[in-house]
């Protein structure tokens, strides 16, 4: 048996990747505490996750604004409010 930290199931690479896909930036502390990733990989994955999170927030805002615009158009067509 090696390092007890390396033996934990939640430090396995596949579990960290699954956690990142499910939890996004909330799983970054798990990534940084995992001994199975080098510092270069940790930095690259962090930049990728933060960039993807920012992109998803921007896209969600645009979808919301488009939804509100179309809702206003429907209200105007049907004479509501």
N, C-alpha and C. Protein backbone atom coordinates (compact mmCIF):
# COMPACT_ATOMS: atom_id res chain seq x y z
N UNK A 1 0.84 -1.18 0.00
CA UNK A 1 0.00 0.00 0.00
C UNK A 1 0.88 1.24 0.00
N UNK A 2 0.47 2.18 -0.79
CA UNK A 2 1.24 3.42 -0.91
C UNK A 2 0.75 4.46 0.07
N UNK A 3 0.75 5.64 -0.40
CA UNK A 3 0.28 6.78 0.37
C UNK A 3 -1.20 6.60 0.67
N UNK A 4 -1.62 6.75 1.94
CA UNK A 4 -3.05 6.58 2.25
C UNK A 4 -3.95 7.55 1.50
N UNK A 5 -3.39 8.72 1.14
CA UNK A 5 -4.18 9.70 0.40
C UNK A 5 -4.47 9.19 -1.01
N UNK A 6 -3.56 8.43 -1.60
CA UNK A 6 -3.75 7.91 -2.94
C UNK A 6 -4.72 6.73 -2.97
N UNK A 7 -4.95 6.09 -1.84
CA UNK A 7 -5.81 4.92 -1.79
C UNK A 7 -7.30 5.28 -1.71
N UNK A 8 -7.62 6.50 -1.44
CA UNK A 8 -9.03 6.91 -1.31
C UNK A 8 -9.72 6.86 -2.68
N UNK A 9 -10.94 6.36 -2.69
CA UNK A 9 -11.66 6.21 -3.96
C UNK A 9 -12.00 7.55 -4.58
N UNK A 10 -12.20 8.56 -3.77
CA UNK A 10 -12.60 9.86 -4.33
C UNK A 10 -11.43 10.64 -4.91
N UNK A 11 -10.21 10.13 -4.76
CA UNK A 11 -9.05 10.75 -5.39
C UNK A 11 -8.72 10.13 -6.74
N UNK A 12 -9.43 9.06 -7.12
CA UNK A 12 -9.18 8.45 -8.42
C UNK A 12 -9.51 9.45 -9.52
N UNK A 13 -8.78 9.34 -10.63
CA UNK A 13 -8.97 10.30 -11.73
C UNK A 13 -10.39 10.29 -12.26
N UNK A 14 -10.96 9.12 -12.44
CA UNK A 14 -12.32 9.06 -13.00
C UNK A 14 -13.34 9.69 -12.05
N UNK A 15 -13.16 9.52 -10.75
CA UNK A 15 -14.10 10.12 -9.79
C UNK A 15 -13.97 11.65 -9.77
N UNK A 16 -12.76 12.14 -9.89
CA UNK A 16 -12.56 13.60 -9.91
C UNK A 16 -13.18 14.18 -11.17
N UNK A 17 -13.02 13.51 -12.31
CA UNK A 17 -13.61 14.00 -13.57
C UNK A 17 -15.13 13.97 -13.49
N UNK A 18 -15.70 12.90 -12.95
CA UNK A 18 -17.16 12.83 -12.78
C UNK A 18 -17.64 13.95 -11.87
N UNK A 19 -16.92 14.19 -10.78
CA UNK A 19 -17.30 15.28 -9.86
C UNK A 19 -17.24 16.63 -10.56
N UNK A 20 -16.23 16.84 -11.41
CA UNK A 20 -16.12 18.10 -12.13
C UNK A 20 -17.27 18.28 -13.11
N UNK A 21 -17.68 17.20 -13.79
CA UNK A 21 -18.81 17.30 -14.71
C UNK A 21 -20.12 17.55 -13.97
N UNK A 22 -20.28 16.95 -12.81
CA UNK A 22 -21.54 17.08 -12.06
C UNK A 22 -21.61 18.36 -11.23
N UNK A 23 -20.51 18.75 -10.65
CA UNK A 23 -20.52 19.87 -9.70
C UNK A 23 -19.82 21.13 -10.22
N UNK A 24 -19.13 21.00 -11.33
CA UNK A 24 -18.43 22.15 -11.90
C UNK A 24 -17.37 22.69 -10.97
N UNK A 25 -17.34 23.99 -10.78
CA UNK A 25 -16.28 24.60 -9.97
C UNK A 25 -16.33 24.20 -8.50
N UNK A 26 -17.44 23.64 -8.04
CA UNK A 26 -17.51 23.21 -6.65
C UNK A 26 -16.61 22.00 -6.39
N UNK A 27 -16.21 21.29 -7.44
CA UNK A 27 -15.34 20.13 -7.29
C UNK A 27 -13.86 20.48 -7.42
N UNK A 28 -13.53 21.73 -7.62
CA UNK A 28 -12.12 22.12 -7.76
C UNK A 28 -11.29 21.83 -6.51
N UNK A 29 -11.81 21.98 -5.29
CA UNK A 29 -11.00 21.59 -4.12
C UNK A 29 -10.65 20.10 -4.13
N UNK A 30 -11.55 19.27 -4.63
CA UNK A 30 -11.24 17.84 -4.73
C UNK A 30 -10.12 17.62 -5.74
N UNK A 31 -10.16 18.35 -6.84
CA UNK A 31 -9.09 18.25 -7.85
C UNK A 31 -7.75 18.64 -7.24
N UNK A 32 -7.72 19.74 -6.51
CA UNK A 32 -6.45 20.21 -5.97
C UNK A 32 -5.94 19.36 -4.82
N UNK A 33 -6.80 18.64 -4.14
CA UNK A 33 -6.32 17.76 -3.07
C UNK A 33 -5.95 16.37 -3.58
N UNK A 34 -6.27 16.08 -4.83
CA UNK A 34 -5.94 14.77 -5.41
C UNK A 34 -4.47 14.70 -5.79
N UNK A 35 -3.76 13.68 -5.32
CA UNK A 35 -2.35 13.54 -5.66
C UNK A 35 -2.13 12.93 -7.05
N UNK A 36 -3.18 12.54 -7.71
CA UNK A 36 -3.05 11.84 -9.00
C UNK A 36 -2.92 12.79 -10.19
N UNK A 37 -3.05 14.07 -9.98
CA UNK A 37 -2.92 15.06 -11.06
C UNK A 37 -1.68 15.91 -10.79
N UNK A 38 -0.94 16.22 -11.85
CA UNK A 38 0.21 17.11 -11.70
C UNK A 38 -0.29 18.55 -11.60
N UNK A 39 0.58 19.43 -11.18
CA UNK A 39 0.21 20.84 -11.04
C UNK A 39 -0.21 21.43 -12.38
N UNK A 40 0.45 21.01 -13.45
CA UNK A 40 0.09 21.51 -14.78
C UNK A 40 -1.32 21.09 -15.15
N UNK A 41 -1.67 19.84 -14.92
CA UNK A 41 -3.03 19.36 -15.21
C UNK A 41 -4.06 20.07 -14.33
N UNK A 42 -3.73 20.26 -13.08
CA UNK A 42 -4.66 20.95 -12.17
C UNK A 42 -4.94 22.37 -12.67
N UNK A 43 -3.89 23.07 -13.10
CA UNK A 43 -4.07 24.44 -13.59
C UNK A 43 -4.87 24.45 -14.89
N UNK A 44 -4.57 23.52 -15.80
CA UNK A 44 -5.29 23.47 -17.08
C UNK A 44 -6.77 23.13 -16.87
N UNK A 45 -7.05 22.18 -16.03
CA UNK A 45 -8.44 21.80 -15.77
C UNK A 45 -9.18 22.93 -15.07
N UNK A 46 -8.51 23.63 -14.16
CA UNK A 46 -9.14 24.76 -13.47
C UNK A 46 -9.51 25.86 -14.45
N UNK A 47 -8.60 26.22 -15.34
CA UNK A 47 -8.90 27.24 -16.35
C UNK A 47 -10.06 26.81 -17.23
N UNK A 48 -10.06 25.54 -17.63
CA UNK A 48 -11.13 25.02 -18.47
C UNK A 48 -12.48 25.06 -17.75
N UNK A 49 -12.52 24.62 -16.51
CA UNK A 49 -13.78 24.59 -15.75
C UNK A 49 -14.30 26.01 -15.50
N UNK A 50 -13.43 26.92 -15.14
CA UNK A 50 -13.86 28.30 -14.89
C UNK A 50 -14.32 28.96 -16.19
N UNK A 51 -13.60 28.73 -17.27
CA UNK A 51 -14.02 29.27 -18.57
C UNK A 51 -15.36 28.73 -19.01
N UNK A 52 -15.56 27.43 -18.85
CA UNK A 52 -16.84 26.82 -19.21
C UNK A 52 -17.97 27.35 -18.34
N UNK A 53 -17.69 27.55 -17.07
CA UNK A 53 -18.71 28.08 -16.16
C UNK A 53 -19.11 29.50 -16.55
N UNK A 54 -18.14 30.34 -16.86
CA UNK A 54 -18.44 31.71 -17.30
C UNK A 54 -19.26 31.69 -18.58
N UNK A 55 -18.85 30.84 -19.54
CA UNK A 55 -19.58 30.73 -20.81
C UNK A 55 -21.03 30.29 -20.56
N UNK A 56 -21.24 29.31 -19.69
CA UNK A 56 -22.60 28.83 -19.41
C UNK A 56 -23.46 29.90 -18.74
N UNK A 57 -22.87 30.71 -17.88
CA UNK A 57 -23.62 31.80 -17.25
C UNK A 57 -24.04 32.82 -18.30
N UNK A 58 -23.13 33.17 -19.20
CA UNK A 58 -23.45 34.14 -20.26
C UNK A 58 -24.55 33.60 -21.18
N UNK A 59 -24.42 32.35 -21.60
CA UNK A 59 -25.42 31.74 -22.48
C UNK A 59 -26.77 31.64 -21.78
N UNK A 60 -26.77 31.29 -20.50
CA UNK A 60 -28.03 31.21 -19.75
C UNK A 60 -28.71 32.58 -19.68
N UNK A 61 -27.92 33.63 -19.47
CA UNK A 61 -28.48 34.99 -19.44
C UNK A 61 -29.08 35.37 -20.77
N UNK A 62 -28.42 35.02 -21.86
CA UNK A 62 -28.96 35.33 -23.19
C UNK A 62 -30.25 34.56 -23.46
N UNK A 63 -30.29 33.32 -23.06
CA UNK A 63 -31.50 32.51 -23.24
C UNK A 63 -32.65 33.11 -22.43
N UNK A 64 -32.35 33.54 -21.22
CA UNK A 64 -33.38 34.15 -20.38
C UNK A 64 -33.92 35.44 -21.02
N UNK A 65 -33.01 36.29 -21.51
CA UNK A 65 -33.45 37.53 -22.13
C UNK A 65 -34.27 37.27 -23.40
N UNK A 66 -33.88 36.27 -24.18
CA UNK A 66 -34.63 35.90 -25.37
C UNK A 66 -36.02 35.38 -24.99
N UNK A 67 -36.09 34.62 -23.92
CA UNK A 67 -37.38 34.11 -23.45
C UNK A 67 -38.30 35.25 -23.04
N UNK A 68 -37.78 36.22 -22.30
CA UNK A 68 -38.58 37.37 -21.86
C UNK A 68 -39.05 38.17 -23.07
N UNK A 69 -38.19 38.34 -24.07
CA UNK A 69 -38.56 39.08 -25.27
C UNK A 69 -39.71 38.38 -26.00
N UNK A 70 -39.60 37.08 -26.15
CA UNK A 70 -40.65 36.33 -26.84
C UNK A 70 -41.95 36.30 -26.03
N UNK A 71 -41.83 36.30 -24.72
CA UNK A 71 -43.02 36.36 -23.87
C UNK A 71 -43.73 37.69 -24.04
N UNK A 72 -42.99 38.77 -24.12
CA UNK A 72 -43.57 40.09 -24.35
C UNK A 72 -44.25 40.16 -25.72
N UNK A 73 -43.64 39.52 -26.73
CA UNK A 73 -44.25 39.48 -28.06
C UNK A 73 -45.58 38.73 -28.03
N UNK A 74 -45.62 37.63 -27.30
CA UNK A 74 -46.88 36.88 -27.18
C UNK A 74 -47.94 37.69 -26.45
N UNK A 75 -47.52 38.39 -25.43
CA UNK A 75 -48.48 39.24 -24.72
C UNK A 75 -49.05 40.31 -25.64
N UNK A 76 -48.22 40.88 -26.49
CA UNK A 76 -48.69 41.92 -27.42
C UNK A 76 -49.63 41.32 -28.47
N UNK A 77 -49.36 40.13 -28.92
CA UNK A 77 -50.21 39.49 -29.93
C UNK A 77 -51.59 39.17 -29.35
N UNK A 78 -51.61 38.68 -28.14
CA UNK A 78 -52.87 38.28 -27.52
C UNK A 78 -53.51 39.38 -26.68
N UNK A 79 -52.91 40.54 -26.63
CA UNK A 79 -53.49 41.68 -25.93
C UNK A 79 -53.51 41.53 -24.43
N UNK A 80 -52.54 40.86 -23.87
CA UNK A 80 -52.46 40.71 -22.41
C UNK A 80 -51.60 41.81 -21.83
N UNK A 81 -52.04 42.35 -20.73
CA UNK A 81 -51.34 43.42 -20.00
C UNK A 81 -50.92 44.49 -20.91
